[in-house]
């Protein structure tokens, strides 16, 4: 009779810690792959456009989109553009701090948030790399209608925007 009690109570045991570690490692690997893919996609696109525009003009796609290289020394969409090295270096240091904070958020978050923070991190790393190497971020996607031009942006900005908009949407509309 006693063995039946032991068998019936066995489902209350704690889960195997090795299984939890494996699941957590799998989630972190997925996030790492997202960051790497995002970063590489951004880098390849920037290398291609920089190499193309060394000897050519802008690339006309249609009446609404052109690829035209612009060097951005500010932050997203050209905000805070200045020739002051103090401001540039301060912004770069702040961006570095945000990147470290994003890594912390990825480690501490649930899977869907990890994925969205990984998109943001991959894009942020792409633009941060450019700030360190080129002292400016190459933006090249020019969306326009007749004489109205939206801010010129790059692939990293797209991933950052998708991540941020998805996080905001999730928080506003997808309550637990």
C-alpha atoms as a PDB file:
ATOM      1  CA  UNK A   1       0.000   0.000   0.000  1.00  0.00           C
ATOM      2  CA  UNK A   2       2.822   2.336   0.783  1.00  0.00           C
ATOM      3  CA  UNK A   3       4.336   1.923  -2.700  1.00  0.00           C
ATOM      4  CA  UNK A   4       1.104   3.166  -4.246  1.00  0.00           C
ATOM      5  CA  UNK A   5       1.395   6.416  -2.278  1.00  0.00           C
ATOM      6  CA  UNK A   6       4.935   6.899  -3.465  1.00  0.00           C
ATOM      7  CA  UNK A   7       3.907   6.308  -7.075  1.00  0.00           C
ATOM      8  CA  UNK A   8       0.955   8.651  -6.867  1.00  0.00           C
ATOM      9  CA  UNK A   9       3.123  11.430  -5.348  1.00  0.00           C
ATOM     10  CA  UNK A  10       5.912  11.118  -7.935  1.00  0.00           C
ATOM     11  CA  UNK A  11       4.251  13.656 -10.250  1.00  0.00           C
ATOM     12  CA  UNK A  12       4.867  16.345  -7.604  1.00  0.00           C
ATOM     13  CA  UNK A  13       8.635  16.102  -7.969  1.00  0.00           C
ATOM     14  CA  UNK A  14      10.561  19.079  -9.300  1.00  0.00           C
ATOM     15  CA  UNK A  15      11.318  19.014 -13.031  1.00  0.00           C
ATOM     16  CA  UNK A  16      14.700  17.800 -14.114  1.00  0.00           C
ATOM     17  CA  UNK A  17      17.097  20.761 -13.969  1.00  0.00           C
ATOM     18  CA  UNK A  18      18.991  19.449 -16.987  1.00  0.00           C
ATOM     19  CA  UNK A  19      15.830  19.661 -19.119  1.00  0.00           C
ATOM     20  CA  UNK A  20      15.232  23.259 -17.998  1.00  0.00           C
ATOM     21  CA  UNK A  21      18.832  24.212 -18.819  1.00  0.00           C
ATOM     22  CA  UNK A  22      18.515  22.634 -22.277  1.00  0.00           C
ATOM     23  CA  UNK A  23      15.266  24.507 -22.994  1.00  0.00           C
ATOM     24  CA  UNK A  24      16.824  27.785 -21.838  1.00  0.00           C
ATOM     25  CA  UNK A  25      19.933  27.157 -23.948  1.00  0.00           C
ATOM     26  CA  UNK A  26      17.727  26.437 -26.958  1.00  0.00           C
ATOM     27  CA  UNK A  27      15.857  29.735 -26.485  1.00  0.00           C
ATOM     28  CA  UNK A  28      19.128  31.620 -26.129  1.00  0.00           C
ATOM     29  CA  UNK A  29      20.512  29.926 -29.252  1.00  0.00           C
ATOM     30  CA  UNK A  30      17.427  31.019 -31.212  1.00  0.00           C
ATOM     31  CA  UNK A  31      17.977  34.579 -30.010  1.00  0.00           C
ATOM     32  CA  UNK A  32      21.672  34.468 -30.879  1.00  0.00           C
ATOM     33  CA  UNK A  33      20.831  33.262 -34.392  1.00  0.00           C
ATOM     34  CA  UNK A  34      18.303  36.092 -34.808  1.00  0.00           C
ATOM     35  CA  UNK A  35      20.911  38.650 -33.707  1.00  0.00           C
ATOM     36  CA  UNK A  36      23.537  37.180 -36.067  1.00  0.00           C
ATOM     37  CA  UNK A  37      21.121  36.995 -39.016  1.00  0.00           C
ATOM     38  CA  UNK A  38      19.902  40.557 -38.454  1.00  0.00           C
ATOM     39  CA  UNK A  39      23.445  41.901 -38.089  1.00  0.00           C
ATOM     40  CA  UNK A  40      24.759  40.049 -41.170  1.00  0.00           C
ATOM     41  CA  UNK A  41      21.783  40.995 -43.347  1.00  0.00           C
ATOM     42  CA  UNK A  42      22.331  44.639 -42.385  1.00  0.00           C
ATOM     43  CA  UNK A  43      26.119  44.468 -42.960  1.00  0.00           C
ATOM     44  CA  UNK A  44      25.796  42.801 -46.360  1.00  0.00           C
ATOM     45  CA  UNK A  45      23.214  45.332 -47.542  1.00  0.00           C
ATOM     46  CA  UNK A  46      25.413  48.253 -46.430  1.00  0.00           C
ATOM     47  CA  UNK A  47      28.557  46.798 -48.012  1.00  0.00           C
ATOM     48  CA  UNK A  48      26.693  46.276 -51.301  1.00  0.00           C
ATOM     49  CA  UNK A  49      25.304  49.825 -51.409  1.00  0.00           C
ATOM     50  CA  UNK A  50      28.605  51.433 -50.358  1.00  0.00           C
ATOM     51  CA  UNK A  51      30.507  49.498 -53.037  1.00  0.00           C
ATOM     52  CA  UNK A  52      27.876  50.299 -55.655  1.00  0.00           C
ATOM     53  CA  UNK A  53      27.788  54.005 -54.959  1.00  0.00           C
ATOM     54  CA  UNK A  54      31.557  54.429 -55.090  1.00  0.00           C
ATOM     55  CA  UNK A  55      31.254  54.469 -58.886  1.00  0.00           C
ATOM     56  CA  UNK A  56      27.527  54.947 -59.514  1.00  0.00           C
ATOM     57  CA  UNK A  57      24.597  57.170 -58.675  1.00  0.00           C
ATOM     58  CA  UNK A  58      21.497  56.208 -56.759  1.00  0.00           C
ATOM     59  CA  UNK A  59      19.566  53.098 -57.711  1.00  0.00           C
ATOM     60  CA  UNK A  60      16.102  53.878 -59.031  1.00  0.00           C
ATOM     61  CA  UNK A  61      13.611  51.163 -58.070  1.00  0.00           C
ATOM     62  CA  UNK A  62      10.282  52.856 -58.792  1.00  0.00           C
ATOM     63  CA  UNK A  63       8.509  56.197 -58.329  1.00  0.00           C
ATOM     64  CA  UNK A  64       8.416  55.679 -54.550  1.00  0.00           C
ATOM     65  CA  UNK A  65      11.697  53.994 -53.586  1.00  0.00           C
ATOM     66  CA  UNK A  66      15.313  54.725 -54.441  1.00  0.00           C
ATOM     67  CA  UNK A  67      18.527  53.429 -52.939  1.00  0.00           C
ATOM     68  CA  UNK A  68      20.736  56.446 -52.313  1.00  0.00           C
ATOM     69  CA  UNK A  69      23.626  56.434 -49.829  1.00  0.00           C
ATOM     70  CA  UNK A  70      23.532  59.070 -47.085  1.00  0.00           C
ATOM     71  CA  UNK A  71      25.943  59.105 -44.130  1.00  0.00           C
ATOM     72  CA  UNK A  72      24.043  59.678 -40.875  1.00  0.00           C
ATOM     73  CA  UNK A  73      26.071  60.986 -37.912  1.00  0.00           C
ATOM     74  CA  UNK A  74      23.000  61.309 -35.698  1.00  0.00           C
ATOM     75  CA  UNK A  75      20.809  58.598 -34.254  1.00  0.00           C
ATOM     76  CA  UNK A  76      17.662  57.021 -35.737  1.00  0.00           C
ATOM     77  CA  UNK A  77      16.364  58.889 -38.795  1.00  0.00           C
ATOM     78  CA  UNK A  78      19.106  61.531 -38.498  1.00  0.00           C
ATOM     79  CA  UNK A  79      18.013  62.997 -35.163  1.00  0.00           C
ATOM     80  CA  UNK A  80      20.780  64.754 -33.212  1.00  0.00           C
ATOM     81  CA  UNK A  81      23.044  65.067 -36.262  1.00  0.00           C
ATOM     82  CA  UNK A  82      25.918  67.371 -35.430  1.00  0.00           C
ATOM     83  CA  UNK A  83      29.568  67.933 -36.242  1.00  0.00           C
ATOM     84  CA  UNK A  84      30.494  68.013 -32.543  1.00  0.00           C
ATOM     85  CA  UNK A  85      32.675  65.037 -31.636  1.00  0.00           C
ATOM     86  CA  UNK A  86      31.632  65.405 -27.973  1.00  0.00           C
ATOM     87  CA  UNK A  87      27.964  64.909 -28.824  1.00  0.00           C
ATOM     88  CA  UNK A  88      28.763  62.126 -31.312  1.00  0.00           C
ATOM     89  CA  UNK A  89      30.905  60.255 -28.787  1.00  0.00           C
ATOM     90  CA  UNK A  90      28.344  60.771 -26.019  1.00  0.00           C
ATOM     91  CA  UNK A  91      25.560  59.383 -28.211  1.00  0.00           C
ATOM     92  CA  UNK A  92      27.756  56.433 -29.169  1.00  0.00           C
ATOM     93  CA  UNK A  93      28.442  55.691 -25.481  1.00  0.00           C
ATOM     94  CA  UNK A  94      24.719  55.886 -24.676  1.00  0.00           C
ATOM     95  CA  UNK A  95      23.963  53.519 -27.573  1.00  0.00           C
ATOM     96  CA  UNK A  96      26.607  51.124 -26.182  1.00  0.00           C
ATOM     97  CA  UNK A  97      24.836  51.236 -22.818  1.00  0.00           C
ATOM     98  CA  UNK A  98      21.485  50.535 -24.475  1.00  0.00           C
ATOM     99  CA  UNK A  99      23.031  47.517 -26.228  1.00  0.00           C
ATOM    100  CA  UNK A 100      24.249  46.134 -22.894  1.00  0.00           C
ATOM    101  CA  UNK A 101      20.774  46.701 -21.426  1.00  0.00           C
ATOM    102  CA  UNK A 102      19.193  44.885 -24.395  1.00  0.00           C
ATOM    103  CA  UNK A 103      21.406  41.860 -23.704  1.00  0.00           C
ATOM    104  CA  UNK A 104      20.219  41.900 -20.072  1.00  0.00           C
ATOM    105  CA  UNK A 105      16.584  42.091 -21.239  1.00  0.00           C
ATOM    106  CA  UNK A 106      17.092  39.146 -23.593  1.00  0.00           C
ATOM    107  CA  UNK A 107      18.497  37.024 -20.757  1.00  0.00           C
ATOM    108  CA  UNK A 108      15.663  37.904 -18.356  1.00  0.00           C
ATOM    109  CA  UNK A 109      12.636  37.886 -20.687  1.00  0.00           C
ATOM    110  CA  UNK A 110      10.077  35.351 -21.863  1.00  0.00           C
ATOM    111  CA  UNK A 111      10.597  33.819 -25.310  1.00  0.00           C
ATOM    112  CA  UNK A 112       8.479  36.219 -27.404  1.00  0.00           C
ATOM    113  CA  UNK A 113      10.139  39.221 -25.748  1.00  0.00           C
ATOM    114  CA  UNK A 114      13.560  37.588 -26.213  1.00  0.00           C
ATOM    115  CA  UNK A 115      12.869  37.331 -29.944  1.00  0.00           C
ATOM    116  CA  UNK A 116      11.718  40.942 -30.254  1.00  0.00           C
ATOM    117  CA  UNK A 117      14.650  42.242 -28.184  1.00  0.00           C
ATOM    118  CA  UNK A 118      16.955  40.128 -30.392  1.00  0.00           C
ATOM    119  CA  UNK A 119      15.656  41.897 -33.518  1.00  0.00           C
ATOM    120  CA  UNK A 120      16.324  45.248 -31.871  1.00  0.00           C
ATOM    121  CA  UNK A 121      19.769  44.133 -30.679  1.00  0.00           C
ATOM    122  CA  UNK A 122      20.809  42.849 -34.114  1.00  0.00           C
ATOM    123  CA  UNK A 123      19.862  46.161 -35.718  1.00  0.00           C
ATOM    124  CA  UNK A 124      21.450  48.191 -32.933  1.00  0.00           C
ATOM    125  CA  UNK A 125      24.697  46.225 -33.268  1.00  0.00           C
ATOM    126  CA  UNK A 126      24.712  46.841 -37.030  1.00  0.00           C
ATOM    127  CA  UNK A 127      24.392  50.600 -36.596  1.00  0.00           C
ATOM    128  CA  UNK A 128      26.786  50.643 -33.620  1.00  0.00           C
ATOM    129  CA  UNK A 129      29.401  48.829 -35.721  1.00  0.00           C
ATOM    130  CA  UNK A 130      29.099  51.541 -38.382  1.00  0.00           C
ATOM    131  CA  UNK A 131      29.416  54.315 -35.807  1.00  0.00           C
ATOM    132  CA  UNK A 132      32.666  52.767 -34.566  1.00  0.00           C
ATOM    133  CA  UNK A 133      34.151  51.875 -37.980  1.00  0.00           C
ATOM    134  CA  UNK A 134      32.898  54.697 -40.256  1.00  0.00           C
ATOM    135  CA  UNK A 135      32.012  57.348 -37.633  1.00  0.00           C
ATOM    136  CA  UNK A 136      28.603  57.482 -39.316  1.00  0.00           C
ATOM    137  CA  UNK A 137      25.804  55.101 -40.258  1.00  0.00           C
ATOM    138  CA  UNK A 138      25.157  54.464 -43.953  1.00  0.00           C
ATOM    139  CA  UNK A 139      21.455  54.964 -44.650  1.00  0.00           C
ATOM    140  CA  UNK A 140      20.243  54.258 -48.162  1.00  0.00           C
ATOM    141  CA  UNK A 141      16.538  53.396 -48.398  1.00  0.00           C
ATOM    142  CA  UNK A 142      14.797  56.522 -49.667  1.00  0.00           C
ATOM    143  CA  UNK A 143      10.994  56.324 -49.639  1.00  0.00           C
ATOM    144  CA  UNK A 144       9.298  59.291 -51.256  1.00  0.00           C
ATOM    145  CA  UNK A 145       6.223  60.587 -52.975  1.00  0.00           C
ATOM    146  CA  UNK A 146       6.899  63.312 -55.544  1.00  0.00           C
ATOM    147  CA  UNK A 147       8.951  65.905 -53.617  1.00  0.00           C
ATOM    148  CA  UNK A 148       8.159  64.553 -50.122  1.00  0.00           C
ATOM    149  CA  UNK A 149      10.919  62.269 -48.804  1.00  0.00           C
ATOM    150  CA  UNK A 150      10.650  60.214 -45.637  1.00  0.00           C
ATOM    151  CA  UNK A 151      13.790  59.865 -43.522  1.00  0.00           C
ATOM    152  CA  UNK A 152      16.435  57.780 -45.278  1.00  0.00           C
ATOM    153  CA  UNK A 153      17.049  54.549 -43.352  1.00  0.00           C
ATOM    154  CA  UNK A 154      18.734  51.148 -43.566  1.00  0.00           C
ATOM    155  CA  UNK A 155      17.996  47.477 -42.880  1.00  0.00           C
ATOM    156  CA  UNK A 156      19.058  47.759 -39.227  1.00  0.00           C
ATOM    157  CA  UNK A 157      16.504  50.531 -38.720  1.00  0.00           C
ATOM    158  CA  UNK A 158      13.807  48.259 -40.159  1.00  0.00           C
ATOM    159  CA  UNK A 159      14.594  45.481 -37.659  1.00  0.00           C
ATOM    160  CA  UNK A 160      14.805  47.951 -34.760  1.00  0.00           C
ATOM    161  CA  UNK A 161      11.441  49.454 -35.759  1.00  0.00           C
ATOM    162  CA  UNK A 162       9.768  46.052 -36.174  1.00  0.00           C
ATOM    163  CA  UNK A 163      11.014  44.991 -32.732  1.00  0.00           C
ATOM    164  CA  UNK A 164       9.907  48.188 -30.990  1.00  0.00           C
ATOM    165  CA  UNK A 165       6.506  48.366 -32.712  1.00  0.00           C
ATOM    166  CA  UNK A 166       5.876  44.683 -31.957  1.00  0.00           C
ATOM    167  CA  UNK A 167       6.794  45.147 -28.286  1.00  0.00           C
ATOM    168  CA  UNK A 168       4.507  48.166 -27.957  1.00  0.00           C
ATOM    169  CA  UNK A 169       1.672  46.362 -29.759  1.00  0.00           C
ATOM    170  CA  UNK A 170       2.121  43.303 -27.565  1.00  0.00           C
ATOM    171  CA  UNK A 171       2.029  45.380 -24.389  1.00  0.00           C
ATOM    172  CA  UNK A 172      -0.999  47.426 -25.453  1.00  0.00           C
ATOM    173  CA  UNK A 173      -3.187  44.743 -27.011  1.00  0.00           C
ATOM    174  CA  UNK A 174      -2.036  41.329 -25.848  1.00  0.00           C
ATOM    175  CA  UNK A 175      -2.609  41.312 -22.103  1.00  0.00           C
ATOM    176  CA  UNK A 176      -1.928  38.154 -20.122  1.00  0.00           C
END
